[in-house]
Protein backbone atom coordinates (compact mmCIF):
# COMPACT_ATOMS: atom_id res chain seq x y z
CA MET A 1 14.10 18.22 -7.68
CA SER A 2 13.41 16.79 -11.12
CA ASN A 3 11.34 13.79 -9.98
CA PRO A 4 8.16 14.42 -8.01
CA ASN A 5 7.74 12.68 -4.68
CA ILE A 6 5.77 9.47 -4.46
CA ARG A 7 3.05 10.21 -1.93
CA LEU A 8 2.08 7.28 0.28
CA ALA A 9 -0.35 6.10 2.92
CA VAL A 10 0.45 3.32 5.39
CA VAL A 11 -2.54 1.22 6.51
CA ASP A 12 -2.15 -1.41 9.22
CA ASP A 13 -4.00 -2.10 12.46
CA HIS A 14 -0.72 -2.57 14.36
CA ILE A 15 0.52 0.87 15.39
CA LEU A 16 4.13 -0.17 15.95
CA PHE A 17 4.37 -1.76 12.50
CA ARG A 18 2.77 1.31 10.90
CA LYS A 19 5.17 3.69 12.65
CA GLY A 20 8.15 1.53 11.73
CA LEU A 21 7.14 1.41 8.07
CA ARG A 22 6.63 5.18 8.06
CA ALA A 23 10.10 5.69 9.58
CA LEU A 24 11.63 3.37 6.98
CA ILE A 25 9.95 5.19 4.09
CA SER A 26 11.05 8.58 5.43
CA GLY A 27 14.61 7.47 4.68
CA PHE A 28 13.84 6.81 1.00
CA ALA A 29 14.59 9.70 -1.34
CA GLY A 30 11.61 10.95 -3.32
CA MET A 31 8.95 9.42 -1.06
CA GLU A 32 6.72 10.87 1.63
CA VAL A 33 4.02 9.39 3.84
CA LEU A 34 0.94 11.62 3.82
CA PHE A 35 -0.90 9.75 6.57
CA GLU A 36 -1.39 6.49 8.43
CA ALA A 37 -4.64 4.60 8.96
CA GLY A 38 -5.62 1.68 11.17
CA ASP A 39 -7.96 -0.01 8.67
CA GLY A 40 -9.53 0.37 5.25
CA GLN A 41 -12.43 2.46 6.52
CA GLU A 42 -10.06 5.03 8.03
CA LEU A 43 -8.11 5.07 4.74
CA LEU A 44 -11.28 5.79 2.75
CA GLU A 45 -12.18 8.61 5.15
CA HIS A 46 -8.85 10.31 4.38
CA LEU A 47 -9.38 9.83 0.64
CA ASP A 48 -12.91 11.24 0.86
CA GLN A 49 -11.40 14.34 2.50
CA GLY A 50 -9.20 14.85 -0.55
CA ILE A 51 -5.94 13.45 0.84
CA VAL A 52 -5.16 11.02 -1.98
CA PRO A 53 -1.77 9.24 -2.10
CA ASP A 54 -0.16 7.73 -5.17
CA VAL A 55 0.55 4.41 -3.41
CA VAL A 56 -1.03 2.72 -0.39
CA LEU A 57 0.94 0.15 1.61
CA MET A 58 -1.76 -1.90 3.28
CA ASP A 59 -2.03 -4.89 5.56
CA LEU A 60 -4.26 -7.70 4.36
CA GLN A 61 -5.86 -8.65 7.68
CA MET A 62 -7.44 -5.73 9.54
CA PRO A 63 -10.64 -5.16 11.49
CA VAL A 64 -13.59 -3.12 10.13
CA LEU A 65 -12.51 -3.19 6.46
CA ASP A 66 -9.72 -5.59 5.47
CA GLY A 67 -7.17 -5.24 2.69
CA LEU A 68 -9.04 -7.27 0.05
CA GLN A 69 -12.33 -5.43 0.61
CA THR A 70 -10.47 -2.12 0.53
CA VAL A 71 -8.66 -2.97 -2.74
CA ARG A 72 -12.06 -3.65 -4.34
CA LEU A 73 -13.44 -0.31 -3.15
CA LEU A 74 -10.34 1.58 -4.22
CA ARG A 75 -10.47 0.09 -7.70
CA ALA A 76 -14.05 1.36 -8.07
CA GLN A 77 -13.77 4.72 -6.27
CA TYR A 78 -10.11 5.74 -6.65
CA PRO A 79 -8.73 3.83 -9.64
CA ARG A 80 -5.52 5.92 -9.82
CA VAL A 81 -4.41 4.88 -6.34
CA ARG A 82 -1.93 2.02 -6.47
CA VAL A 83 -1.95 -0.59 -3.70
CA VAL A 84 0.85 -2.75 -2.33
CA ILE A 85 -0.47 -5.39 0.06
CA ILE A 86 1.75 -6.33 2.98
CA SER A 87 1.09 -9.65 4.69
CA MET A 88 2.68 -12.60 6.43
CA HIS A 89 0.81 -15.00 4.10
CA ASP A 90 2.50 -16.14 0.91
CA GLU A 91 0.00 -18.53 -0.69
CA PRO A 92 0.08 -18.23 -4.51
CA GLU A 93 -3.74 -18.41 -4.71
CA LEU A 94 -4.05 -15.43 -2.38
CA ILE A 95 -1.55 -13.39 -4.37
CA ASP A 96 -3.36 -14.25 -7.60
CA SER A 97 -6.71 -13.18 -6.15
CA LEU A 98 -5.24 -9.89 -4.96
CA HIS A 99 -3.87 -9.22 -8.43
CA THR A 100 -7.28 -10.03 -9.94
CA GLU A 101 -8.92 -7.59 -7.52
CA GLY A 102 -6.53 -4.80 -8.49
CA ALA A 103 -3.50 -4.83 -6.17
CA HIS A 104 -0.27 -3.58 -7.77
CA GLY A 105 2.18 -5.28 -5.43
CA TYR A 106 2.57 -7.80 -2.65
CA LEU A 107 5.21 -7.87 0.08
CA LEU A 108 5.80 -10.25 2.93
CA LYS A 109 6.11 -8.55 6.31
CA ASN A 110 9.66 -9.86 6.60
CA ALA A 111 10.78 -8.08 3.39
CA ASN A 112 14.03 -6.12 3.55
CA PRO A 113 14.09 -2.33 3.08
CA GLU A 114 15.22 -2.51 -0.55
CA GLU A 115 12.33 -4.84 -1.38
CA VAL A 116 9.92 -2.35 0.18
CA ARG A 117 11.46 0.52 -1.79
CA GLY A 118 11.37 -1.54 -5.00
CA ALA A 119 7.71 -2.52 -4.53
CA ILE A 120 6.75 1.13 -4.01
CA MET A 121 8.67 2.21 -7.11
CA ALA A 122 7.17 -0.61 -9.19
CA ALA A 123 3.61 0.20 -8.05
CA ALA A 124 4.08 3.91 -8.76
CA ALA A 125 5.39 3.27 -12.28
CA PRO A 126 3.03 3.82 -15.19
CA ASN A 127 1.29 0.60 -16.30
CA ALA A 128 2.30 -1.14 -13.07
CA LYS A 129 1.67 -4.87 -12.93
CA LEU A 130 1.59 -6.96 -9.75
CA ALA A 131 5.04 -7.25 -8.24
CA THR A 132 5.55 -10.04 -5.72
CA LEU A 133 8.53 -9.98 -3.41
């Protein structure tokens, strides 16, 4: 294969959503999910163990460590990891603040599969800017 796989992590406190997103991504060529996590703290534990994905798809609202707090920590501790936030909220102010904090993409939870694939590809691209779908 000429293109390396995009390695991902899926972070959401809802197990069914996480499993569904993982199943969806498994059907995309050139992408693999390394692990799932239920919140930002669990994500950071995986990263601290050396399992570092290229892109993290992460829910905004989670217990323990939410998406915004986790984006801030990732920017400081793992600046090469790209983050696509997935949420049901679509307020422009929220999306702007996520971009300011370092998120590379934003998807609504009702996005279609091609939008998900496109957001992952955009976040993984060099010099990625915030993509909102």
